[in-house]
N, C-alpha and C. Protein backbone atom coordinates (compact mmCIF):
# COMPACT_ATOMS: atom_id res chain seq x y z
N UNK A 1 4.67 -39.45 33.84
CA UNK A 1 3.31 -39.11 33.46
C UNK A 1 2.50 -40.38 33.31
N UNK A 2 1.24 -40.31 33.69
CA UNK A 2 0.38 -41.48 33.62
C UNK A 2 -0.71 -41.29 32.59
N UNK A 3 -1.25 -42.41 32.12
CA UNK A 3 -2.42 -42.42 31.26
C UNK A 3 -2.24 -41.67 29.97
N UNK A 4 -3.31 -41.03 29.56
CA UNK A 4 -3.35 -40.34 28.27
C UNK A 4 -2.36 -39.20 28.19
N UNK A 5 -2.13 -38.47 29.29
CA UNK A 5 -1.22 -37.32 29.26
C UNK A 5 0.20 -37.70 28.83
N UNK A 6 0.59 -38.92 29.09
CA UNK A 6 1.93 -39.36 28.72
C UNK A 6 2.02 -39.94 27.32
N UNK A 7 0.88 -40.12 26.67
CA UNK A 7 0.88 -40.70 25.32
C UNK A 7 1.33 -39.68 24.29
N UNK A 8 1.96 -40.16 23.23
CA UNK A 8 2.44 -39.28 22.16
C UNK A 8 1.27 -38.72 21.36
N UNK A 9 1.34 -37.43 21.07
CA UNK A 9 0.31 -36.75 20.28
C UNK A 9 0.65 -36.86 18.79
N UNK A 10 -0.37 -36.85 17.95
CA UNK A 10 -0.19 -36.93 16.50
C UNK A 10 -0.27 -35.52 15.91
N UNK A 11 0.12 -35.41 14.66
CA UNK A 11 0.03 -34.12 13.97
C UNK A 11 -1.40 -33.60 13.95
N UNK A 12 -2.37 -34.50 13.80
CA UNK A 12 -3.78 -34.08 13.80
C UNK A 12 -4.16 -33.47 15.14
N UNK A 13 -3.62 -34.02 16.24
CA UNK A 13 -3.90 -33.46 17.58
C UNK A 13 -3.30 -32.06 17.72
N UNK A 14 -2.09 -31.89 17.20
CA UNK A 14 -1.45 -30.57 17.25
C UNK A 14 -2.25 -29.57 16.41
N UNK A 15 -2.75 -30.01 15.24
CA UNK A 15 -3.54 -29.13 14.39
C UNK A 15 -4.85 -28.74 15.05
N UNK A 16 -5.48 -29.70 15.74
CA UNK A 16 -6.72 -29.40 16.46
C UNK A 16 -6.47 -28.38 17.57
N UNK A 17 -5.35 -28.51 18.25
CA UNK A 17 -4.99 -27.54 19.29
C UNK A 17 -4.76 -26.16 18.66
N UNK A 18 -4.10 -26.13 17.51
CA UNK A 18 -3.88 -24.85 16.81
C UNK A 18 -5.21 -24.23 16.41
N UNK A 19 -6.16 -25.04 15.97
CA UNK A 19 -7.48 -24.53 15.59
C UNK A 19 -8.20 -23.95 16.80
N UNK A 20 -8.08 -24.61 17.95
CA UNK A 20 -8.71 -24.08 19.17
C UNK A 20 -8.06 -22.78 19.61
N UNK A 21 -6.74 -22.69 19.43
CA UNK A 21 -6.06 -21.44 19.76
C UNK A 21 -6.53 -20.32 18.85
N UNK A 22 -6.70 -20.63 17.56
CA UNK A 22 -7.19 -19.62 16.60
C UNK A 22 -8.58 -19.13 16.99
N UNK A 23 -9.43 -20.07 17.43
CA UNK A 23 -10.77 -19.68 17.88
C UNK A 23 -10.69 -18.78 19.11
N UNK A 24 -9.79 -19.10 20.04
CA UNK A 24 -9.62 -18.27 21.24
C UNK A 24 -9.12 -16.87 20.86
N UNK A 25 -8.25 -16.81 19.87
CA UNK A 25 -7.76 -15.51 19.38
C UNK A 25 -8.92 -14.72 18.77
N UNK A 26 -9.71 -15.38 17.93
CA UNK A 26 -10.84 -14.72 17.28
C UNK A 26 -11.88 -14.25 18.30
N UNK A 27 -12.03 -14.99 19.39
CA UNK A 27 -13.00 -14.61 20.43
C UNK A 27 -12.45 -13.54 21.36
N UNK A 28 -11.16 -13.21 21.25
CA UNK A 28 -10.56 -12.19 22.11
C UNK A 28 -10.10 -12.72 23.45
N UNK A 29 -9.99 -14.02 23.61
CA UNK A 29 -9.56 -14.60 24.89
C UNK A 29 -8.05 -14.48 25.07
N UNK A 30 -7.29 -14.49 23.97
CA UNK A 30 -5.84 -14.32 24.01
C UNK A 30 -5.45 -13.28 22.97
N UNK A 31 -4.32 -12.62 23.20
CA UNK A 31 -3.85 -11.64 22.22
C UNK A 31 -2.93 -12.31 21.21
N UNK A 32 -2.52 -11.55 20.22
CA UNK A 32 -1.71 -12.10 19.13
C UNK A 32 -0.37 -12.64 19.62
N UNK A 33 0.25 -11.94 20.55
CA UNK A 33 1.54 -12.38 21.08
C UNK A 33 1.39 -13.73 21.79
N UNK A 34 0.35 -13.83 22.64
CA UNK A 34 0.12 -15.07 23.37
C UNK A 34 -0.26 -16.20 22.41
N UNK A 35 -1.03 -15.87 21.38
CA UNK A 35 -1.40 -16.87 20.37
C UNK A 35 -0.14 -17.44 19.71
N UNK A 36 0.78 -16.57 19.32
CA UNK A 36 2.01 -17.02 18.68
C UNK A 36 2.83 -17.89 19.63
N UNK A 37 2.94 -17.48 20.86
CA UNK A 37 3.71 -18.24 21.85
C UNK A 37 3.09 -19.63 22.07
N UNK A 38 1.78 -19.67 22.24
CA UNK A 38 1.10 -20.95 22.48
C UNK A 38 1.14 -21.84 21.23
N UNK A 39 1.05 -21.23 20.06
CA UNK A 39 1.09 -21.99 18.82
C UNK A 39 2.45 -22.69 18.68
N UNK A 40 3.51 -21.99 19.01
CA UNK A 40 4.85 -22.61 18.97
C UNK A 40 4.93 -23.78 19.94
N UNK A 41 4.38 -23.59 21.13
CA UNK A 41 4.39 -24.69 22.11
C UNK A 41 3.55 -25.86 21.63
N UNK A 42 2.42 -25.57 20.97
CA UNK A 42 1.54 -26.64 20.49
C UNK A 42 2.24 -27.47 19.41
N UNK A 43 2.89 -26.82 18.46
CA UNK A 43 3.56 -27.56 17.39
C UNK A 43 4.83 -28.25 17.88
N UNK A 44 5.35 -27.82 19.01
CA UNK A 44 6.52 -28.47 19.58
C UNK A 44 6.16 -29.56 20.59
N UNK A 45 4.86 -29.70 20.92
CA UNK A 45 4.42 -30.67 21.92
C UNK A 45 4.60 -32.10 21.42
N UNK A 46 5.00 -32.96 22.33
CA UNK A 46 5.17 -34.37 21.98
C UNK A 46 4.06 -35.24 22.57
N UNK A 47 3.47 -34.80 23.69
CA UNK A 47 2.46 -35.62 24.36
C UNK A 47 1.14 -34.86 24.50
N UNK A 48 0.08 -35.64 24.82
CA UNK A 48 -1.22 -35.03 25.07
C UNK A 48 -1.16 -34.10 26.27
N UNK A 49 -0.34 -34.43 27.25
CA UNK A 49 -0.21 -33.58 28.43
C UNK A 49 0.33 -32.20 28.08
N UNK A 50 1.32 -32.15 27.19
CA UNK A 50 1.87 -30.87 26.76
C UNK A 50 0.83 -30.07 25.98
N UNK A 51 0.03 -30.75 25.16
CA UNK A 51 -1.03 -30.05 24.43
C UNK A 51 -2.08 -29.53 25.40
N UNK A 52 -2.37 -30.32 26.43
CA UNK A 52 -3.36 -29.89 27.43
C UNK A 52 -2.92 -28.64 28.17
N UNK A 53 -1.61 -28.53 28.44
CA UNK A 53 -1.09 -27.35 29.13
C UNK A 53 -1.30 -26.08 28.29
N UNK A 54 -1.20 -26.23 26.97
CA UNK A 54 -1.37 -25.07 26.08
C UNK A 54 -2.80 -24.53 26.17
N UNK A 55 -3.76 -25.45 26.36
CA UNK A 55 -5.18 -25.06 26.38
C UNK A 55 -5.79 -25.02 27.77
N UNK A 56 -4.98 -25.24 28.82
CA UNK A 56 -5.50 -25.44 30.17
C UNK A 56 -6.44 -24.33 30.65
N UNK A 57 -6.13 -23.07 30.39
CA UNK A 57 -6.94 -21.97 30.91
C UNK A 57 -7.99 -21.46 29.92
N UNK A 58 -8.18 -22.19 28.82
CA UNK A 58 -9.16 -21.77 27.82
C UNK A 58 -10.38 -22.69 27.86
N UNK A 59 -11.59 -22.12 27.74
CA UNK A 59 -12.78 -22.98 27.68
C UNK A 59 -12.82 -23.69 26.33
N UNK A 60 -13.69 -24.67 26.24
CA UNK A 60 -13.88 -25.37 24.97
C UNK A 60 -14.38 -24.40 23.92
N UNK A 61 -14.44 -24.84 22.67
CA UNK A 61 -14.90 -23.94 21.61
C UNK A 61 -16.32 -23.47 21.88
N UNK A 62 -16.57 -22.20 21.67
CA UNK A 62 -17.90 -21.63 21.88
C UNK A 62 -18.80 -21.97 20.70
N UNK A 63 -20.09 -22.14 20.95
CA UNK A 63 -21.00 -22.37 19.83
C UNK A 63 -20.94 -21.20 18.86
N UNK A 64 -21.19 -21.47 17.59
CA UNK A 64 -21.07 -20.44 16.55
C UNK A 64 -21.95 -19.24 16.82
N UNK A 65 -23.18 -19.47 17.35
CA UNK A 65 -24.08 -18.33 17.57
C UNK A 65 -23.58 -17.43 18.68
N UNK A 66 -22.83 -17.96 19.66
CA UNK A 66 -22.28 -17.11 20.72
C UNK A 66 -21.06 -16.35 20.26
N UNK A 67 -20.30 -16.91 19.32
CA UNK A 67 -19.07 -16.27 18.86
C UNK A 67 -19.31 -15.25 17.77
N UNK A 68 -20.49 -15.28 17.17
CA UNK A 68 -20.77 -14.39 16.04
C UNK A 68 -20.86 -12.94 16.51
N UNK A 69 -20.69 -12.03 15.58
CA UNK A 69 -20.83 -10.61 15.89
C UNK A 69 -22.26 -10.31 16.27
N UNK A 70 -22.42 -9.41 17.20
CA UNK A 70 -23.76 -9.02 17.62
C UNK A 70 -24.42 -8.22 16.50
N UNK A 71 -25.73 -8.41 16.30
CA UNK A 71 -26.40 -7.64 15.25
C UNK A 71 -26.39 -6.16 15.59
N UNK A 72 -26.38 -5.34 14.56
CA UNK A 72 -26.37 -3.89 14.77
C UNK A 72 -27.72 -3.43 15.29
N UNK A 73 -27.66 -2.57 16.28
CA UNK A 73 -28.88 -2.00 16.84
C UNK A 73 -29.15 -0.69 16.13
N UNK A 74 -30.37 -0.48 15.67
CA UNK A 74 -30.65 0.79 14.99
C UNK A 74 -30.52 1.95 15.97
N UNK A 75 -29.86 3.00 15.52
CA UNK A 75 -29.68 4.17 16.34
C UNK A 75 -30.78 5.18 16.08
N UNK A 76 -30.69 6.36 16.69
CA UNK A 76 -31.67 7.41 16.42
C UNK A 76 -31.68 7.76 14.94
N UNK A 77 -32.80 8.21 14.44
CA UNK A 77 -32.93 8.54 13.02
C UNK A 77 -31.90 9.56 12.61
N UNK A 78 -31.21 9.28 11.49
CA UNK A 78 -30.25 10.21 10.94
C UNK A 78 -28.87 10.13 11.58
N UNK A 79 -28.71 9.30 12.61
CA UNK A 79 -27.41 9.18 13.26
C UNK A 79 -26.82 7.82 12.92
N UNK A 80 -25.67 7.85 12.32
CA UNK A 80 -25.00 6.60 11.95
C UNK A 80 -24.38 5.99 13.20
N UNK A 81 -24.46 4.66 13.35
CA UNK A 81 -23.81 4.04 14.50
C UNK A 81 -22.31 4.19 14.43
N UNK A 82 -21.67 4.22 15.59
CA UNK A 82 -20.21 4.37 15.64
C UNK A 82 -19.56 3.12 15.07
N UNK A 83 -18.49 3.29 14.30
CA UNK A 83 -17.82 2.11 13.75
C UNK A 83 -17.17 1.31 14.85
N UNK A 84 -17.20 0.00 14.68
CA UNK A 84 -16.60 -0.91 15.65
C UNK A 84 -15.29 -1.39 15.07
N UNK A 85 -14.21 -1.31 15.84
CA UNK A 85 -12.92 -1.80 15.38
C UNK A 85 -12.98 -3.31 15.24
N UNK A 86 -12.46 -3.84 14.14
CA UNK A 86 -12.52 -5.28 13.96
C UNK A 86 -11.64 -5.99 14.97
N UNK A 87 -12.07 -7.17 15.38
CA UNK A 87 -11.27 -7.99 16.29
C UNK A 87 -10.07 -8.52 15.54
N UNK A 88 -9.06 -8.90 16.29
CA UNK A 88 -7.87 -9.46 15.66
C UNK A 88 -8.27 -10.72 14.91
N UNK A 89 -7.87 -10.82 13.66
CA UNK A 89 -8.21 -11.96 12.85
C UNK A 89 -9.47 -11.75 12.03
N UNK A 90 -10.27 -10.69 12.35
CA UNK A 90 -11.48 -10.43 11.61
C UNK A 90 -11.14 -9.72 10.31
N UNK A 91 -12.05 -9.76 9.33
CA UNK A 91 -11.77 -9.04 8.10
C UNK A 91 -11.53 -7.57 8.39
N UNK A 92 -10.49 -7.01 7.81
CA UNK A 92 -10.15 -5.61 8.03
C UNK A 92 -9.12 -5.41 9.12
N UNK A 93 -8.84 -6.47 9.91
CA UNK A 93 -7.89 -6.33 11.00
C UNK A 93 -6.48 -6.08 10.49
N UNK A 94 -6.19 -6.49 9.26
CA UNK A 94 -4.85 -6.33 8.71
C UNK A 94 -4.64 -5.03 7.98
N UNK A 95 -5.60 -4.12 8.02
CA UNK A 95 -5.48 -2.87 7.28
C UNK A 95 -4.29 -2.06 7.75
N UNK A 96 -4.12 -1.95 9.06
CA UNK A 96 -3.00 -1.17 9.59
C UNK A 96 -1.68 -1.79 9.16
N UNK A 97 -1.58 -3.10 9.26
CA UNK A 97 -0.35 -3.78 8.84
C UNK A 97 -0.06 -3.58 7.37
N UNK A 98 -1.11 -3.63 6.56
CA UNK A 98 -0.94 -3.43 5.12
C UNK A 98 -0.48 -2.01 4.83
N UNK A 99 -1.08 -1.03 5.50
CA UNK A 99 -0.68 0.36 5.29
C UNK A 99 0.77 0.58 5.70
N UNK A 100 1.17 -0.02 6.82
CA UNK A 100 2.58 0.09 7.23
C UNK A 100 3.50 -0.56 6.20
N UNK A 101 3.09 -1.70 5.68
CA UNK A 101 3.90 -2.39 4.68
C UNK A 101 4.07 -1.55 3.42
N UNK A 102 3.01 -0.85 3.02
CA UNK A 102 3.05 -0.03 1.81
C UNK A 102 3.86 1.25 2.03
N UNK A 103 3.67 1.91 3.17
CA UNK A 103 4.23 3.25 3.37
C UNK A 103 5.58 3.29 4.08
N UNK A 104 5.98 2.23 4.78
CA UNK A 104 7.24 2.26 5.53
C UNK A 104 8.46 2.55 4.65
N UNK A 105 8.62 1.92 3.49
CA UNK A 105 9.79 2.26 2.66
C UNK A 105 9.82 3.74 2.28
N UNK A 106 8.67 4.29 1.94
CA UNK A 106 8.60 5.71 1.57
C UNK A 106 9.00 6.58 2.75
N UNK A 107 8.50 6.25 3.94
CA UNK A 107 8.83 7.05 5.13
C UNK A 107 10.33 6.99 5.43
N UNK A 108 10.93 5.82 5.28
CA UNK A 108 12.36 5.70 5.54
C UNK A 108 13.18 6.54 4.56
N UNK A 109 12.85 6.44 3.28
CA UNK A 109 13.58 7.21 2.27
C UNK A 109 13.37 8.70 2.50
N UNK A 110 12.14 9.10 2.80
CA UNK A 110 11.86 10.51 3.07
C UNK A 110 12.67 11.02 4.25
N UNK A 111 12.79 10.20 5.30
CA UNK A 111 13.57 10.61 6.48
C UNK A 111 15.05 10.74 6.13
N UNK A 112 15.57 9.78 5.37
CA UNK A 112 16.99 9.83 5.01
C UNK A 112 17.29 11.03 4.12
N UNK A 113 16.47 11.25 3.10
CA UNK A 113 16.70 12.38 2.20
C UNK A 113 16.54 13.72 2.93
N UNK A 114 15.58 13.80 3.83
CA UNK A 114 15.40 15.03 4.59
C UNK A 114 16.59 15.28 5.51
N UNK A 115 17.12 14.21 6.12
CA UNK A 115 18.31 14.37 6.97
C UNK A 115 19.49 14.87 6.14
N UNK A 116 19.67 14.33 4.94
CA UNK A 116 20.76 14.79 4.06
C UNK A 116 20.55 16.26 3.70
N UNK A 117 19.31 16.64 3.40
CA UNK A 117 18.99 18.02 3.05
C UNK A 117 19.30 18.96 4.23
N UNK A 118 18.93 18.53 5.44
CA UNK A 118 19.19 19.35 6.63
C UNK A 118 20.69 19.52 6.83
N UNK A 119 21.44 18.42 6.73
CA UNK A 119 22.89 18.50 6.91
C UNK A 119 23.54 19.40 5.86
N UNK A 120 23.07 19.31 4.61
CA UNK A 120 23.65 20.16 3.57
C UNK A 120 23.27 21.62 3.79
N UNK A 121 22.07 21.89 4.29
CA UNK A 121 21.66 23.27 4.59
C UNK A 121 22.47 23.83 5.75
N UNK A 122 22.74 23.02 6.74
CA UNK A 122 23.56 23.46 7.87
C UNK A 122 24.98 23.73 7.41
N UNK A 123 25.50 22.82 6.55
CA UNK A 123 26.86 23.00 6.03
C UNK A 123 26.98 24.25 5.16
N UNK A 124 25.93 24.56 4.41
CA UNK A 124 25.96 25.76 3.54
C UNK A 124 25.58 27.02 4.32
N UNK A 125 25.06 26.86 5.52
CA UNK A 125 24.63 27.97 6.38
C UNK A 125 23.58 28.85 5.71
N UNK A 126 22.72 28.18 4.94
CA UNK A 126 21.58 28.88 4.35
C UNK A 126 20.50 27.85 4.06
N UNK A 127 19.26 28.33 3.98
CA UNK A 127 18.14 27.44 3.70
C UNK A 127 18.11 27.14 2.21
N UNK A 128 18.35 25.88 1.87
CA UNK A 128 18.38 25.46 0.47
C UNK A 128 17.00 25.01 0.02
N UNK A 129 16.82 24.95 -1.29
CA UNK A 129 15.58 24.40 -1.85
C UNK A 129 15.41 22.96 -1.37
N UNK A 130 14.20 22.59 -0.99
CA UNK A 130 13.93 21.24 -0.49
C UNK A 130 13.88 20.27 -1.67
N UNK A 131 15.06 19.85 -2.12
CA UNK A 131 15.18 18.99 -3.29
C UNK A 131 14.65 17.57 -3.09
N UNK A 132 14.52 17.02 -1.85
CA UNK A 132 13.96 15.66 -1.72
C UNK A 132 12.55 15.53 -2.28
N UNK A 133 11.87 16.67 -2.44
CA UNK A 133 10.51 16.62 -2.97
C UNK A 133 10.47 15.97 -4.36
N UNK A 134 11.56 16.07 -5.13
CA UNK A 134 11.59 15.49 -6.48
C UNK A 134 11.59 13.96 -6.43
N UNK A 135 12.08 13.39 -5.35
CA UNK A 135 12.07 11.93 -5.22
C UNK A 135 10.84 11.44 -4.47
N UNK A 136 10.52 12.07 -3.33
CA UNK A 136 9.44 11.55 -2.51
C UNK A 136 8.06 12.06 -2.92
N UNK A 137 8.00 13.17 -3.67
CA UNK A 137 6.71 13.69 -4.10
C UNK A 137 5.98 12.76 -5.07
N UNK A 138 6.59 12.43 -6.22
CA UNK A 138 5.91 11.52 -7.14
C UNK A 138 5.66 10.14 -6.54
N UNK A 139 6.64 9.64 -5.80
CA UNK A 139 6.47 8.33 -5.16
C UNK A 139 5.29 8.37 -4.20
N UNK A 140 5.18 9.44 -3.42
CA UNK A 140 4.06 9.58 -2.49
C UNK A 140 2.72 9.65 -3.21
N UNK A 141 2.70 10.34 -4.36
CA UNK A 141 1.45 10.41 -5.13
C UNK A 141 1.04 9.02 -5.62
N UNK A 142 2.01 8.25 -6.11
CA UNK A 142 1.72 6.89 -6.56
C UNK A 142 1.22 6.04 -5.39
N UNK A 143 1.83 6.20 -4.22
CA UNK A 143 1.40 5.44 -3.05
C UNK A 143 0.00 5.83 -2.60
N UNK A 144 -0.34 7.12 -2.72
CA UNK A 144 -1.70 7.53 -2.38
C UNK A 144 -2.72 6.84 -3.27
N UNK A 145 -2.43 6.78 -4.56
CA UNK A 145 -3.34 6.11 -5.50
C UNK A 145 -3.41 4.62 -5.18
N UNK A 146 -2.24 4.01 -4.92
CA UNK A 146 -2.21 2.58 -4.60
C UNK A 146 -2.99 2.30 -3.32
N UNK A 147 -2.83 3.18 -2.33
CA UNK A 147 -3.54 3.00 -1.06
C UNK A 147 -5.05 3.09 -1.26
N UNK A 148 -5.50 4.09 -2.00
CA UNK A 148 -6.94 4.24 -2.24
C UNK A 148 -7.49 3.03 -2.99
N UNK A 149 -6.79 2.60 -4.05
CA UNK A 149 -7.25 1.44 -4.81
C UNK A 149 -7.19 0.17 -3.98
N UNK A 150 -6.13 0.01 -3.20
CA UNK A 150 -5.98 -1.18 -2.38
C UNK A 150 -7.06 -1.29 -1.31
N UNK A 151 -7.37 -0.19 -0.65
CA UNK A 151 -8.41 -0.21 0.36
C UNK A 151 -9.78 -0.45 -0.25
N UNK A 152 -10.03 0.15 -1.42
CA UNK A 152 -11.31 -0.05 -2.09
C UNK A 152 -11.46 -1.49 -2.58
N UNK A 153 -10.36 -2.10 -3.00
CA UNK A 153 -10.41 -3.46 -3.53
C UNK A 153 -10.22 -4.54 -2.49
N UNK A 154 -10.05 -4.19 -1.22
CA UNK A 154 -9.90 -5.19 -0.17
C UNK A 154 -8.52 -5.83 -0.13
N UNK A 155 -7.49 -5.13 -0.58
CA UNK A 155 -6.14 -5.69 -0.62
C UNK A 155 -5.64 -6.17 0.74
N UNK A 156 -5.91 -5.47 1.87
CA UNK A 156 -5.43 -5.99 3.15
C UNK A 156 -5.99 -7.38 3.46
N UNK A 157 -7.26 -7.60 3.15
CA UNK A 157 -7.88 -8.90 3.40
C UNK A 157 -7.25 -9.96 2.50
N UNK A 158 -7.04 -9.62 1.22
CA UNK A 158 -6.42 -10.57 0.29
C UNK A 158 -5.00 -10.93 0.74
N UNK A 159 -4.27 -9.94 1.22
CA UNK A 159 -2.91 -10.18 1.70
C UNK A 159 -2.93 -11.14 2.88
N UNK A 160 -3.87 -10.92 3.83
CA UNK A 160 -3.96 -11.80 4.98
C UNK A 160 -4.33 -13.22 4.56
N UNK A 161 -5.22 -13.34 3.58
CA UNK A 161 -5.61 -14.67 3.09
C UNK A 161 -4.43 -15.38 2.43
N UNK A 162 -3.63 -14.64 1.65
CA UNK A 162 -2.45 -15.24 1.02
C UNK A 162 -1.46 -15.71 2.08
N UNK A 163 -1.24 -14.89 3.09
CA UNK A 163 -0.32 -15.28 4.16
C UNK A 163 -0.82 -16.53 4.88
N UNK A 164 -2.12 -16.60 5.13
CA UNK A 164 -2.69 -17.75 5.81
C UNK A 164 -2.51 -19.02 4.97
N UNK A 165 -2.70 -18.91 3.65
CA UNK A 165 -2.50 -20.07 2.77
C UNK A 165 -1.04 -20.50 2.78
N UNK A 166 -0.10 -19.53 2.74
CA UNK A 166 1.33 -19.88 2.80
C UNK A 166 1.67 -20.55 4.12
N UNK A 167 1.11 -20.03 5.22
CA UNK A 167 1.37 -20.61 6.53
C UNK A 167 0.85 -22.04 6.58
N UNK A 168 -0.33 -22.29 6.05
CA UNK A 168 -0.90 -23.63 6.04
C UNK A 168 -0.05 -24.58 5.20
N UNK A 169 0.46 -24.09 4.05
CA UNK A 169 1.33 -24.95 3.22
C UNK A 169 2.62 -25.28 3.95
N UNK A 170 3.20 -24.30 4.65
CA UNK A 170 4.43 -24.56 5.41
C UNK A 170 4.17 -25.59 6.50
N UNK A 171 3.04 -25.45 7.20
CA UNK A 171 2.73 -26.40 8.26
C UNK A 171 2.51 -27.79 7.69
N UNK A 172 1.86 -27.88 6.53
CA UNK A 172 1.63 -29.18 5.91
C UNK A 172 2.97 -29.81 5.51
N UNK A 173 3.89 -29.00 4.98
CA UNK A 173 5.22 -29.52 4.63
C UNK A 173 5.95 -30.01 5.87
N UNK A 174 5.89 -29.22 6.93
CA UNK A 174 6.56 -29.62 8.17
C UNK A 174 5.96 -30.91 8.72
N UNK A 175 4.64 -31.03 8.65
CA UNK A 175 3.98 -32.23 9.14
C UNK A 175 4.39 -33.45 8.31
N UNK A 176 4.60 -33.26 7.01
CA UNK A 176 5.02 -34.35 6.15
C UNK A 176 6.46 -34.77 6.39
N UNK A 177 7.28 -33.87 6.92
CA UNK A 177 8.68 -34.17 7.18
C UNK A 177 8.87 -34.97 8.45
N UNK A 178 7.88 -34.96 9.32
CA UNK A 178 8.02 -35.65 10.63
C UNK A 178 7.87 -37.11 10.50
C-alpha cells in the first residue's frame, strides 16, 4: 500500500468512522445488520485504507438540514395525518425491542405451562381446568400495567440511551487498553 492508505489509523480515526456509520444508519443508507458488520470492521481496522473501505460506498455526512425530519404537512380539516414509523436509531425505534424484552419471558412460561396442561389433559383423556391461568394471569396483569407505564414514561427510549452509554464506556475502555 502506498501513501496515506498504508499509514496506521488512530483510535480517533476509528471513532470518526464509527460516527459516520451511525449517521449513515440514521439516514437510512445502511440497515442495522450492515451497520454492525461495518462497525466491527472499523474498530478492527489498522490502516486508513481499511477505514476507507468501510466508508467507500457512502457519501460524506449530510448537512443537518437535509438529514432532519421533514415538517408535517397539514392534512384536510379533521383528518389526522398518518403516523410515520420512526427510522432505525430514532426516538421510539426501540419500542418493539423493549416490548419483546418485557413480554418474552411471560410468553415462554405461558407456552411451557400450556404444553404441560395439554399433555396432562391428553393423559387424563378429559378436558381439565386450565390451571396455568393462576400463574400467567396475575403476571400478565402486572406486565400490562408495566407496559402501559413504561410506554407512557418513555422507557424504551431510556433503555436505548442506557445501552448507548454502556457501549460508549466499553469502547472507551477498549481504546484505553490498546
